[in-house]
Amino acid sequence: MIDNLRIDMSQWAGEDNDGAQYVPFTKQQWGTVRFDYGAETIHLAPDVDATEALQIADWLRRRLPVSASC
């Protein structure tokens, strides 16, 4: 079940602690747009500003089940 779609601008600074860059399509622990999928949190779009994150979240909200809304 998908739920708790949200935006979190607090964790992405371009690199993680060991200097590795974001690699698309791999499981990441950072990202501005997030939602819960079962017991996991999915992190998307780590390198976008707040306006872009809101646009992505709005786009997803229109396409995901109602439970995804905050």
N, C-alpha and C. Protein backbone atom coordinates (compact mmCIF):
# COMPACT_ATOMS: atom_id res chain seq x y z
N MET A 1 0.83 -1.17 0.00
CA MET A 1 0.00 0.00 0.00
C MET A 1 0.88 1.24 0.00
N ILE A 2 0.56 2.19 -0.84
CA ILE A 2 1.28 3.45 -0.92
C ILE A 2 0.57 4.47 -0.04
N ASP A 3 1.33 5.12 0.86
CA ASP A 3 0.74 6.19 1.66
C ASP A 3 1.79 7.19 2.09
N ASN A 4 1.33 8.28 2.67
CA ASN A 4 2.18 9.32 3.25
C ASN A 4 3.12 9.96 2.22
N LEU A 5 2.59 10.39 1.09
CA LEU A 5 3.38 11.14 0.11
C LEU A 5 3.76 12.47 0.75
N ARG A 6 5.06 12.79 0.68
CA ARG A 6 5.52 14.00 1.35
C ARG A 6 6.77 14.56 0.69
N ILE A 7 7.13 15.77 1.09
CA ILE A 7 8.34 16.43 0.62
C ILE A 7 9.22 16.69 1.83
N ASP A 8 10.50 16.39 1.70
CA ASP A 8 11.45 16.63 2.78
C ASP A 8 12.72 17.21 2.16
N MET A 9 12.98 18.46 2.42
CA MET A 9 14.14 19.15 1.83
C MET A 9 15.39 19.06 2.71
N SER A 10 15.33 18.31 3.79
CA SER A 10 16.39 18.39 4.79
C SER A 10 17.64 17.55 4.53
N GLN A 11 17.61 16.51 3.72
CA GLN A 11 18.73 15.58 3.71
C GLN A 11 19.63 15.60 2.49
N TRP A 12 19.25 16.22 1.42
CA TRP A 12 20.09 16.11 0.22
C TRP A 12 21.03 17.29 0.10
N ALA A 13 22.32 17.01 0.00
CA ALA A 13 23.32 18.05 -0.18
C ALA A 13 24.19 17.75 -1.40
N GLY A 14 23.77 16.86 -2.27
CA GLY A 14 24.51 16.56 -3.49
C GLY A 14 25.41 15.34 -3.39
N GLU A 15 25.88 15.03 -2.20
CA GLU A 15 26.72 13.86 -1.99
C GLU A 15 26.34 13.24 -0.66
N ASP A 16 26.54 11.95 -0.53
CA ASP A 16 26.34 11.35 0.78
C ASP A 16 27.66 11.45 1.57
N ASN A 17 27.72 10.86 2.73
CA ASN A 17 28.86 11.04 3.61
C ASN A 17 30.18 10.55 3.03
N ASP A 18 30.14 9.55 2.15
CA ASP A 18 31.41 9.05 1.61
C ASP A 18 31.73 9.63 0.24
N GLY A 19 30.99 10.65 -0.19
CA GLY A 19 31.29 11.34 -1.44
C GLY A 19 30.65 10.73 -2.67
N ALA A 20 29.87 9.66 -2.53
CA ALA A 20 29.24 9.03 -3.70
C ALA A 20 28.12 9.92 -4.25
N GLN A 21 28.01 9.97 -5.55
CA GLN A 21 26.97 10.76 -6.20
C GLN A 21 25.69 9.95 -6.32
N TYR A 22 24.56 10.63 -6.50
CA TYR A 22 23.28 9.97 -6.71
C TYR A 22 23.32 9.13 -7.98
N VAL A 23 22.86 7.90 -7.88
CA VAL A 23 22.79 7.00 -9.04
C VAL A 23 21.33 6.66 -9.28
N PRO A 24 20.76 7.08 -10.43
CA PRO A 24 19.34 6.81 -10.69
C PRO A 24 19.02 5.32 -10.68
N PHE A 25 17.79 5.01 -10.32
CA PHE A 25 17.25 3.65 -10.37
C PHE A 25 17.94 2.69 -9.40
N THR A 26 18.52 3.22 -8.36
CA THR A 26 19.04 2.39 -7.28
C THR A 26 18.36 2.81 -5.99
N LYS A 27 18.36 1.95 -5.01
CA LYS A 27 17.71 2.27 -3.74
C LYS A 27 18.54 3.31 -2.99
N GLN A 28 17.95 4.47 -2.79
CA GLN A 28 18.63 5.57 -2.12
C GLN A 28 17.99 5.84 -0.77
N GLN A 29 18.71 6.48 0.10
CA GLN A 29 18.19 6.87 1.41
C GLN A 29 18.00 8.38 1.49
N TRP A 30 17.96 9.05 0.36
CA TRP A 30 17.70 10.48 0.33
C TRP A 30 16.81 10.77 -0.86
N GLY A 31 16.21 11.91 -0.83
CA GLY A 31 15.33 12.33 -1.92
C GLY A 31 14.28 13.28 -1.39
N THR A 32 13.98 14.28 -2.16
CA THR A 32 13.05 15.33 -1.72
C THR A 32 11.62 14.84 -1.65
N VAL A 33 11.21 14.03 -2.61
CA VAL A 33 9.85 13.50 -2.63
C VAL A 33 9.91 12.08 -2.08
N ARG A 34 9.02 11.80 -1.12
CA ARG A 34 9.04 10.49 -0.47
C ARG A 34 7.63 9.96 -0.29
N PHE A 35 7.53 8.66 -0.27
CA PHE A 35 6.28 8.03 0.13
C PHE A 35 6.59 6.66 0.72
N ASP A 36 5.65 6.18 1.52
CA ASP A 36 5.82 4.87 2.13
C ASP A 36 5.15 3.82 1.26
N TYR A 37 5.82 2.71 1.08
CA TYR A 37 5.30 1.58 0.33
C TYR A 37 5.49 0.35 1.20
N GLY A 38 4.43 -0.03 1.88
CA GLY A 38 4.55 -1.11 2.86
C GLY A 38 5.46 -0.67 3.98
N ALA A 39 6.48 -1.46 4.25
CA ALA A 39 7.41 -1.14 5.34
C ALA A 39 8.59 -0.30 4.87
N GLU A 40 8.64 0.07 3.60
CA GLU A 40 9.76 0.81 3.04
C GLU A 40 9.37 2.25 2.74
N THR A 41 10.34 3.13 2.79
CA THR A 41 10.16 4.51 2.33
C THR A 41 10.89 4.66 1.01
N ILE A 42 10.16 5.12 0.01
CA ILE A 42 10.73 5.35 -1.33
C ILE A 42 11.13 6.82 -1.41
N HIS A 43 12.37 7.07 -1.84
CA HIS A 43 12.93 8.42 -1.95
C HIS A 43 13.13 8.74 -3.42
N LEU A 44 12.61 9.88 -3.87
CA LEU A 44 12.73 10.28 -5.28
C LEU A 44 13.26 11.71 -5.38
N ALA A 45 13.82 12.04 -6.51
CA ALA A 45 14.18 13.41 -6.88
C ALA A 45 15.07 14.11 -5.86
N PRO A 46 16.28 13.62 -5.64
CA PRO A 46 17.14 14.22 -4.62
C PRO A 46 17.68 15.60 -4.98
N ASP A 47 17.72 15.92 -6.24
CA ASP A 47 18.40 17.16 -6.64
C ASP A 47 17.42 18.17 -7.24
N VAL A 48 16.28 18.36 -6.58
CA VAL A 48 15.31 19.36 -7.05
C VAL A 48 15.04 20.36 -5.93
N ASP A 49 14.59 21.56 -6.32
CA ASP A 49 14.25 22.55 -5.30
C ASP A 49 12.80 22.34 -4.84
N ALA A 50 12.36 23.15 -3.89
CA ALA A 50 11.04 22.97 -3.28
C ALA A 50 9.91 23.10 -4.30
N THR A 51 10.03 24.03 -5.23
CA THR A 51 8.98 24.22 -6.25
C THR A 51 8.85 22.99 -7.13
N GLU A 52 9.98 22.46 -7.59
CA GLU A 52 9.95 21.26 -8.41
C GLU A 52 9.42 20.06 -7.62
N ALA A 53 9.82 19.95 -6.36
CA ALA A 53 9.34 18.86 -5.52
C ALA A 53 7.83 18.90 -5.37
N LEU A 54 7.27 20.10 -5.18
CA LEU A 54 5.81 20.24 -5.08
C LEU A 54 5.13 19.83 -6.38
N GLN A 55 5.70 20.20 -7.51
CA GLN A 55 5.13 19.81 -8.80
C GLN A 55 5.14 18.29 -8.97
N ILE A 56 6.24 17.65 -8.60
CA ILE A 56 6.34 16.19 -8.70
C ILE A 56 5.32 15.54 -7.77
N ALA A 57 5.24 16.02 -6.53
CA ALA A 57 4.29 15.46 -5.57
C ALA A 57 2.85 15.63 -6.05
N ASP A 58 2.52 16.80 -6.60
CA ASP A 58 1.16 17.02 -7.14
C ASP A 58 0.87 16.07 -8.30
N TRP A 59 1.84 15.87 -9.17
CA TRP A 59 1.67 14.96 -10.30
C TRP A 59 1.42 13.54 -9.79
N LEU A 60 2.22 13.12 -8.82
CA LEU A 60 2.04 11.78 -8.25
C LEU A 60 0.69 11.64 -7.54
N ARG A 61 0.31 12.67 -6.79
CA ARG A 61 -0.96 12.64 -6.04
C ARG A 61 -2.15 12.36 -6.94
N ARG A 62 -2.12 12.92 -8.14
CA ARG A 62 -3.23 12.73 -9.10
C ARG A 62 -3.24 11.32 -9.66
N ARG A 63 -2.14 10.59 -9.57
CA ARG A 63 -2.05 9.28 -10.19
C ARG A 63 -1.98 8.11 -9.20
N LEU A 64 -1.63 8.39 -7.97
CA LEU A 64 -1.52 7.34 -6.95
C LEU A 64 -2.86 7.14 -6.25
N PRO A 65 -3.03 6.03 -5.55
CA PRO A 65 -4.26 5.82 -4.80
C PRO A 65 -4.50 6.91 -3.77
N VAL A 66 -5.73 7.08 -3.37
CA VAL A 66 -6.10 8.12 -2.41
C VAL A 66 -5.28 8.00 -1.13
N SER A 67 -4.91 6.81 -0.73
CA SER A 67 -4.14 6.62 0.50
C SER A 67 -2.79 7.31 0.46
N ALA A 68 -2.30 7.67 -0.73
CA ALA A 68 -1.00 8.32 -0.84
C ALA A 68 -1.03 9.77 -0.38
N SER A 69 -2.21 10.37 -0.33
CA SER A 69 -2.30 11.78 0.07
C SER A 69 -1.96 11.92 1.54
N CYS A 70 -1.39 13.06 1.87
CA CYS A 70 -1.03 13.34 3.26
C CYS A 70 -2.29 13.63 4.07
